[in-house]
Amino acid sequence: MAVDPLRNLCDLLARLPGVGERTAQRMAYHIVRQSADYANALAQALLGVVKDVRTCSRCQALTAVEPCAICGDPQRRRDVICVVANPQDIAAIEATGEHRGLYHVLHGVLSPLEGVGPEEIRARLLLERLPGDPPVGEVIVATPASVEGEATALYLSGLIRPLGIAVTRIAFGIPMGSEIEYADKLTLARALGGRRPI
């Protein structure tokens, strides 16, 4: 029996994170309605990502050039490293325009229940970067506000603080424009704990 190309495309799209069967079906039908040029460009883009994108040898971000654009930028501060769990977290932080230092991507957080221990995250590679030129003076830990993210932050702090390097944690709290009465207890507790002078 011949494979149905539309069904095959739907099945493959449904395997993407956050894409269910109905969304995959809508995407597949959208692609079918496009020109052959579009479908070819999409296929080439997918192949190009698989062929050309790799991790930066310095920060472990995904890149097609070595080193990545951020590590290669001479205007970036070399004495501050922001540690994130996933490559896409860099884009979110960069969009704020607040961080002008470097990054380090762990590619996950500690999660013993899922078999993710210290050896599975790229903490050792982070430690190797700290004595650089100039030496790193601050590590900002920007892991998620979850049990696993907190455990990872504490683990990294335990490794880095004894080296005489400041370890800071991004603050978590109430989003701009939201009402305090609608905040959950954990978010409100974090907001109170992370307060600072004004």
C-alpha atoms as a PDB file:
ATOM      1  CA  MET A   1       0.000   0.000   0.000  1.00  0.00           C
ATOM      2  CA  ALA A   2       1.398   3.398  -1.014  1.00  0.00           C
ATOM      3  CA  VAL A   3       2.194   5.965   1.658  1.00  0.00           C
ATOM      4  CA  ASP A   4      -0.161   8.955   1.653  1.00  0.00           C
ATOM      5  CA  PRO A   5       2.181  11.988   1.445  1.00  0.00           C
ATOM      6  CA  LEU A   6      -0.319  14.311   3.147  1.00  0.00           C
ATOM      7  CA  ARG A   7      -0.865  11.893   6.037  1.00  0.00           C
ATOM      8  CA  ASN A   8       2.908  11.397   6.312  1.00  0.00           C
ATOM      9  CA  LEU A   9       3.435  15.189   6.508  1.00  0.00           C
ATOM     10  CA  CYS A  10       0.726  15.503   9.178  1.00  0.00           C
ATOM     11  CA  ASP A  11       2.331  12.743  11.226  1.00  0.00           C
ATOM     12  CA  LEU A  12       5.764  14.361  11.026  1.00  0.00           C
ATOM     13  CA  LEU A  13       4.464  17.835  11.908  1.00  0.00           C
ATOM     14  CA  ALA A  14       2.517  16.415  14.867  1.00  0.00           C
ATOM     15  CA  ARG A  15       5.812  15.209  16.351  1.00  0.00           C
ATOM     16  CA  LEU A  16       6.967  18.829  16.791  1.00  0.00           C
ATOM     17  CA  PRO A  17       6.705  20.129  20.372  1.00  0.00           C
ATOM     18  CA  GLY A  18       3.452  21.934  21.067  1.00  0.00           C
ATOM     19  CA  VAL A  19       1.874  20.779  17.793  1.00  0.00           C
ATOM     20  CA  GLY A  20      -1.151  18.522  18.106  1.00  0.00           C
ATOM     21  CA  GLU A  21      -2.817  16.507  15.387  1.00  0.00           C
ATOM     22  CA  ARG A  22      -5.276  19.264  14.378  1.00  0.00           C
ATOM     23  CA  THR A  23      -2.567  21.953  14.214  1.00  0.00           C
ATOM     24  CA  ALA A  24      -0.357  19.598  12.202  1.00  0.00           C
ATOM     25  CA  GLN A  25      -3.226  19.017   9.804  1.00  0.00           C
ATOM     26  CA  ARG A  26      -3.774  22.793   9.374  1.00  0.00           C
ATOM     27  CA  MET A  27      -0.042  23.276   8.724  1.00  0.00           C
ATOM     28  CA  ALA A  28       0.057  20.448   6.199  1.00  0.00           C
ATOM     29  CA  TYR A  29      -2.942  21.789   4.278  1.00  0.00           C
ATOM     30  CA  HIS A  30      -1.399  25.272   4.326  1.00  0.00           C
ATOM     31  CA  ILE A  31       1.833  23.892   2.838  1.00  0.00           C
ATOM     32  CA  VAL A  32      -0.112  22.005   0.142  1.00  0.00           C
ATOM     33  CA  ARG A  33      -1.851  25.238  -0.904  1.00  0.00           C
ATOM     34  CA  GLN A  34       1.488  27.058  -1.342  1.00  0.00           C
ATOM     35  CA  SER A  35       3.608  27.106  -4.482  1.00  0.00           C
ATOM     36  CA  ALA A  36       6.187  24.448  -5.238  1.00  0.00           C
ATOM     37  CA  ASP A  37       8.847  27.148  -4.717  1.00  0.00           C
ATOM     38  CA  TYR A  38       7.665  27.669  -1.146  1.00  0.00           C
ATOM     39  CA  ALA A  39       7.646  23.932  -0.404  1.00  0.00           C
ATOM     40  CA  ASN A  40      11.136  23.600  -1.881  1.00  0.00           C
ATOM     41  CA  ALA A  41      12.420  26.582   0.160  1.00  0.00           C
ATOM     42  CA  LEU A  42      10.908  25.062   3.316  1.00  0.00           C
ATOM     43  CA  ALA A  43      12.520  21.699   2.589  1.00  0.00           C
ATOM     44  CA  GLN A  44      15.895  23.368   1.931  1.00  0.00           C
ATOM     45  CA  ALA A  45      15.613  25.364   5.161  1.00  0.00           C
ATOM     46  CA  LEU A  46      14.964  22.163   7.123  1.00  0.00           C
ATOM     47  CA  LEU A  47      17.895  20.407   5.478  1.00  0.00           C
ATOM     48  CA  GLY A  48      20.114  23.443   6.042  1.00  0.00           C
ATOM     49  CA  VAL A  49      19.324  23.512   9.748  1.00  0.00           C
ATOM     50  CA  VAL A  50      20.177  19.834  10.116  1.00  0.00           C
ATOM     51  CA  LYS A  51      23.363  20.177   8.062  1.00  0.00           C
ATOM     52  CA  ASP A  52      24.736  23.538   9.181  1.00  0.00           C
ATOM     53  CA  VAL A  53      23.530  24.306  12.716  1.00  0.00           C
ATOM     54  CA  ARG A  54      25.687  23.072  15.580  1.00  0.00           C
ATOM     55  CA  THR A  55      26.596  24.199  19.070  1.00  0.00           C
ATOM     56  CA  CYS A  56      29.047  27.037  19.606  1.00  0.00           C
ATOM     57  CA  SER A  57      32.229  25.614  21.120  1.00  0.00           C
ATOM     58  CA  ARG A  58      32.281  28.448  23.670  1.00  0.00           C
ATOM     59  CA  CYS A  59      28.733  29.020  24.887  1.00  0.00           C
ATOM     60  CA  GLN A  60      26.913  25.936  23.552  1.00  0.00           C
ATOM     61  CA  ALA A  61      24.273  28.060  21.752  1.00  0.00           C
ATOM     62  CA  LEU A  62      22.987  26.877  18.399  1.00  0.00           C
ATOM     63  CA  THR A  63      24.810  28.542  15.523  1.00  0.00           C
ATOM     64  CA  ALA A  64      25.850  28.165  11.906  1.00  0.00           C
ATOM     65  CA  VAL A  65      29.142  30.044  12.477  1.00  0.00           C
ATOM     66  CA  GLU A  66      32.016  29.406  14.875  1.00  0.00           C
ATOM     67  CA  PRO A  67      32.068  31.098  17.299  1.00  0.00           C
ATOM     68  CA  CYS A  68      28.457  32.273  17.436  1.00  0.00           C
ATOM     69  CA  ALA A  69      27.669  35.933  16.758  1.00  0.00           C
ATOM     70  CA  ILE A  70      27.451  36.804  20.465  1.00  0.00           C
ATOM     71  CA  CYS A  71      30.717  35.112  21.453  1.00  0.00           C
ATOM     72  CA  GLY A  72      32.413  36.711  18.442  1.00  0.00           C
ATOM     73  CA  ASP A  73      31.155  40.227  19.229  1.00  0.00           C
ATOM     74  CA  PRO A  74      34.060  42.287  20.667  1.00  0.00           C
ATOM     75  CA  GLN A  75      31.551  44.735  22.200  1.00  0.00           C
ATOM     76  CA  ARG A  76      30.151  42.118  24.612  1.00  0.00           C
ATOM     77  CA  ARG A  77      31.320  42.067  28.209  1.00  0.00           C
ATOM     78  CA  ARG A  78      33.528  39.033  28.775  1.00  0.00           C
ATOM     79  CA  ASP A  79      33.389  39.136  32.587  1.00  0.00           C
ATOM     80  CA  VAL A  80      29.652  38.358  32.905  1.00  0.00           C
ATOM     81  CA  ILE A  81      28.021  35.112  31.778  1.00  0.00           C
ATOM     82  CA  CYS A  82      24.274  34.501  31.814  1.00  0.00           C
ATOM     83  CA  VAL A  83      23.463  30.800  32.164  1.00  0.00           C
ATOM     84  CA  VAL A  84      20.269  29.593  30.492  1.00  0.00           C
ATOM     85  CA  ALA A  85      18.637  26.185  30.222  1.00  0.00           C
ATOM     86  CA  ASN A  86      17.862  26.196  26.490  1.00  0.00           C
ATOM     87  CA  PRO A  87      19.150  27.959  23.357  1.00  0.00           C
ATOM     88  CA  GLN A  88      15.833  29.732  22.765  1.00  0.00           C
ATOM     89  CA  ASP A  89      16.164  31.454  26.168  1.00  0.00           C
ATOM     90  CA  ILE A  90      18.956  33.598  24.700  1.00  0.00           C
ATOM     91  CA  ALA A  91      16.569  35.212  22.217  1.00  0.00           C
ATOM     92  CA  ALA A  92      14.160  36.129  25.024  1.00  0.00           C
ATOM     93  CA  ILE A  93      16.913  37.750  27.102  1.00  0.00           C
ATOM     94  CA  GLU A  94      18.460  39.486  24.088  1.00  0.00           C
ATOM     95  CA  ALA A  95      15.066  41.011  23.252  1.00  0.00           C
ATOM     96  CA  THR A  96      15.196  42.949  26.547  1.00  0.00           C
ATOM     97  CA  GLY A  97      18.448  44.702  25.594  1.00  0.00           C
ATOM     98  CA  GLU A  98      19.512  44.488  29.261  1.00  0.00           C
ATOM     99  CA  HIS A  99      22.299  41.898  29.076  1.00  0.00           C
ATOM    100  CA  ARG A 100      25.510  42.851  27.273  1.00  0.00           C
ATOM    101  CA  GLY A 101      27.613  39.955  28.511  1.00  0.00           C
ATOM    102  CA  LEU A 102      28.040  36.415  27.225  1.00  0.00           C
ATOM    103  CA  TYR A 103      25.873  33.315  27.616  1.00  0.00           C
ATOM    104  CA  HIS A 104      26.208  29.652  28.469  1.00  0.00           C
ATOM    105  CA  VAL A 105      23.531  27.109  27.483  1.00  0.00           C
ATOM    106  CA  LEU A 106      23.090  24.045  29.697  1.00  0.00           C
ATOM    107  CA  HIS A 107      20.736  22.238  27.271  1.00  0.00           C
ATOM    108  CA  GLY A 108      18.483  21.228  30.140  1.00  0.00           C
ATOM    109  CA  VAL A 109      18.071  21.385  33.897  1.00  0.00           C
ATOM    110  CA  LEU A 110      18.688  18.859  36.633  1.00  0.00           C
ATOM    111  CA  SER A 111      15.817  16.383  36.820  1.00  0.00           C
ATOM    112  CA  PRO A 112      16.680  13.128  38.603  1.00  0.00           C
ATOM    113  CA  LEU A 113      13.217  11.685  37.868  1.00  0.00           C
ATOM    114  CA  GLU A 114      13.921  12.023  34.147  1.00  0.00           C
ATOM    115  CA  GLY A 115      17.507  10.798  34.457  1.00  0.00           C
ATOM    116  CA  VAL A 116      19.072  14.238  33.972  1.00  0.00           C
ATOM    117  CA  GLY A 117      21.969  14.621  36.390  1.00  0.00           C
ATOM    118  CA  PRO A 118      25.001  16.917  36.541  1.00  0.00           C
ATOM    119  CA  GLU A 119      26.761  15.017  33.745  1.00  0.00           C
ATOM    120  CA  GLU A 120      23.872  15.583  31.317  1.00  0.00           C
ATOM    121  CA  ILE A 121      23.877  19.377  31.595  1.00  0.00           C
ATOM    122  CA  ARG A 122      26.892  21.305  30.358  1.00  0.00           C
ATOM    123  CA  ALA A 123      28.028  22.673  33.728  1.00  0.00           C
ATOM    124  CA  ARG A 124      31.597  21.368  33.352  1.00  0.00           C
ATOM    125  CA  LEU A 125      32.015  23.381  30.154  1.00  0.00           C
ATOM    126  CA  LEU A 126      30.805  26.470  32.035  1.00  0.00           C
ATOM    127  CA  LEU A 127      33.389  25.942  34.779  1.00  0.00           C
ATOM    128  CA  GLU A 128      36.136  25.693  32.149  1.00  0.00           C
ATOM    129  CA  ARG A 129      35.194  29.171  30.850  1.00  0.00           C
ATOM    130  CA  LEU A 130      35.338  30.994  34.177  1.00  0.00           C
ATOM    131  CA  PRO A 131      39.097  31.614  34.429  1.00  0.00           C
ATOM    132  CA  GLY A 132      39.135  33.243  30.941  1.00  0.00           C
ATOM    133  CA  ASP A 133      40.783  36.483  29.913  1.00  0.00           C
ATOM    134  CA  PRO A 134      39.389  38.546  31.529  1.00  0.00           C
ATOM    135  CA  PRO A 135      38.236  36.180  34.273  1.00  0.00           C
ATOM    136  CA  VAL A 136      34.495  35.987  34.849  1.00  0.00           C
ATOM    137  CA  GLY A 137      33.347  38.088  37.815  1.00  0.00           C
ATOM    138  CA  GLU A 138      29.626  37.298  37.759  1.00  0.00           C
ATOM    139  CA  VAL A 139      27.462  34.394  36.655  1.00  0.00           C
ATOM    140  CA  ILE A 140      23.772  35.203  36.232  1.00  0.00           C
ATOM    141  CA  VAL A 141      21.643  32.070  36.549  1.00  0.00           C
ATOM    142  CA  ALA A 142      18.522  32.381  34.379  1.00  0.00           C
ATOM    143  CA  THR A 143      17.094  28.872  34.661  1.00  0.00           C
ATOM    144  CA  PRO A 144      13.299  28.395  34.800  1.00  0.00           C
ATOM    145  CA  ALA A 145      11.206  29.163  37.884  1.00  0.00           C
ATOM    146  CA  SER A 146      10.517  25.489  38.537  1.00  0.00           C
ATOM    147  CA  VAL A 147      11.712  22.904  41.047  1.00  0.00           C
ATOM    148  CA  GLU A 148      14.226  21.645  38.476  1.00  0.00           C
ATOM    149  CA  GLY A 149      15.338  25.177  37.577  1.00  0.00           C
ATOM    150  CA  GLU A 150      15.863  26.024  41.242  1.00  0.00           C
ATOM    151  CA  ALA A 151      17.786  22.808  41.858  1.00  0.00           C
ATOM    152  CA  THR A 152      20.019  23.625  38.895  1.00  0.00           C
ATOM    153  CA  ALA A 153      20.589  27.175  40.178  1.00  0.00           C
ATOM    154  CA  LEU A 154      21.577  25.879  43.623  1.00  0.00           C
ATOM    155  CA  TYR A 155      23.866  23.261  42.093  1.00  0.00           C
ATOM    156  CA  LEU A 156      25.643  25.844  39.943  1.00  0.00           C
ATOM    157  CA  SER A 157      25.942  28.245  42.853  1.00  0.00           C
ATOM    158  CA  GLY A 158      27.576  25.506  44.938  1.00  0.00           C
ATOM    159  CA  LEU A 159      30.155  24.944  42.191  1.00  0.00           C
ATOM    160  CA  ILE A 160      30.880  28.595  41.379  1.00  0.00           C
ATOM    161  CA  ARG A 161      30.749  30.526  44.674  1.00  0.00           C
ATOM    162  CA  PRO A 162      33.804  28.732  46.148  1.00  0.00           C
ATOM    163  CA  LEU A 163      35.791  30.110  43.185  1.00  0.00           C
ATOM    164  CA  GLY A 164      35.199  33.654  44.451  1.00  0.00           C
ATOM    165  CA  ILE A 165      32.811  34.498  41.602  1.00  0.00           C
ATOM    166  CA  ALA A 166      29.502  36.267  42.281  1.00  0.00           C
ATOM    167  CA  VAL A 167      26.469  34.149  41.433  1.00  0.00           C
ATOM    168  CA  THR A 168      23.163  35.955  40.954  1.00  0.00           C
ATOM    169  CA  ARG A 169      19.682  34.676  40.111  1.00  0.00           C
ATOM    170  CA  ILE A 170      17.201  36.500  37.908  1.00  0.00           C
ATOM    171  CA  ALA A 171      14.191  37.774  39.834  1.00  0.00           C
ATOM    172  CA  PHE A 172      10.764  36.269  39.360  1.00  0.00           C
ATOM    173  CA  GLY A 173       7.499  37.909  40.219  1.00  0.00           C
ATOM    174  CA  ILE A 174       4.351  39.553  38.991  1.00  0.00           C
ATOM    175  CA  PRO A 175       4.268  40.384  35.267  1.00  0.00           C
ATOM    176  CA  MET A 176       3.849  44.014  34.209  1.00  0.00           C
ATOM    177  CA  GLY A 177       0.220  44.980  33.772  1.00  0.00           C
ATOM    178  CA  SER A 178      -1.217  42.216  35.958  1.00  0.00           C
ATOM    179  CA  GLU A 179      -3.123  42.570  39.214  1.00  0.00           C
ATOM    180  CA  ILE A 180      -1.720  41.309  42.521  1.00  0.00           C
ATOM    181  CA  GLU A 181      -5.042  39.711  43.472  1.00  0.00           C
ATOM    182  CA  TYR A 182      -4.740  37.296  40.528  1.00  0.00           C
ATOM    183  CA  ALA A 183      -1.165  36.191  41.227  1.00  0.00           C
ATOM    184  CA  ASP A 184      -0.650  32.688  42.592  1.00  0.00           C
ATOM    185  CA  LYS A 185       0.973  32.263  46.021  1.00  0.00           C
ATOM    186  CA  LEU A 186       4.351  31.106  44.694  1.00  0.00           C
ATOM    187  CA  THR A 187       4.645  34.009  42.238  1.00  0.00           C
ATOM    188  CA  LEU A 188       3.666  36.494  44.945  1.00  0.00           C
ATOM    189  CA  ALA A 189       6.145  34.972  47.395  1.00  0.00           C
ATOM    190  CA  ARG A 190       8.897  35.252  44.763  1.00  0.00           C
ATOM    191  CA  ALA A 191       7.981  38.869  44.082  1.00  0.00           C
ATOM    192  CA  LEU A 192       8.211  39.704  47.781  1.00  0.00           C
ATOM    193  CA  GLY A 193      11.449  37.779  48.230  1.00  0.00           C
ATOM    194  CA  GLY A 194      13.050  39.429  45.194  1.00  0.00           C
ATOM    195  CA  ARG A 195      12.159  42.976  46.206  1.00  0.00           C
ATOM    196  CA  ARG A 196      14.768  45.727  45.848  1.00  0.00           C
ATOM    197  CA  PRO A 197      15.068  49.379  46.869  1.00  0.00           C
ATOM    198  CA  ILE A 198      13.467  52.057  44.693  1.00  0.00           C
END
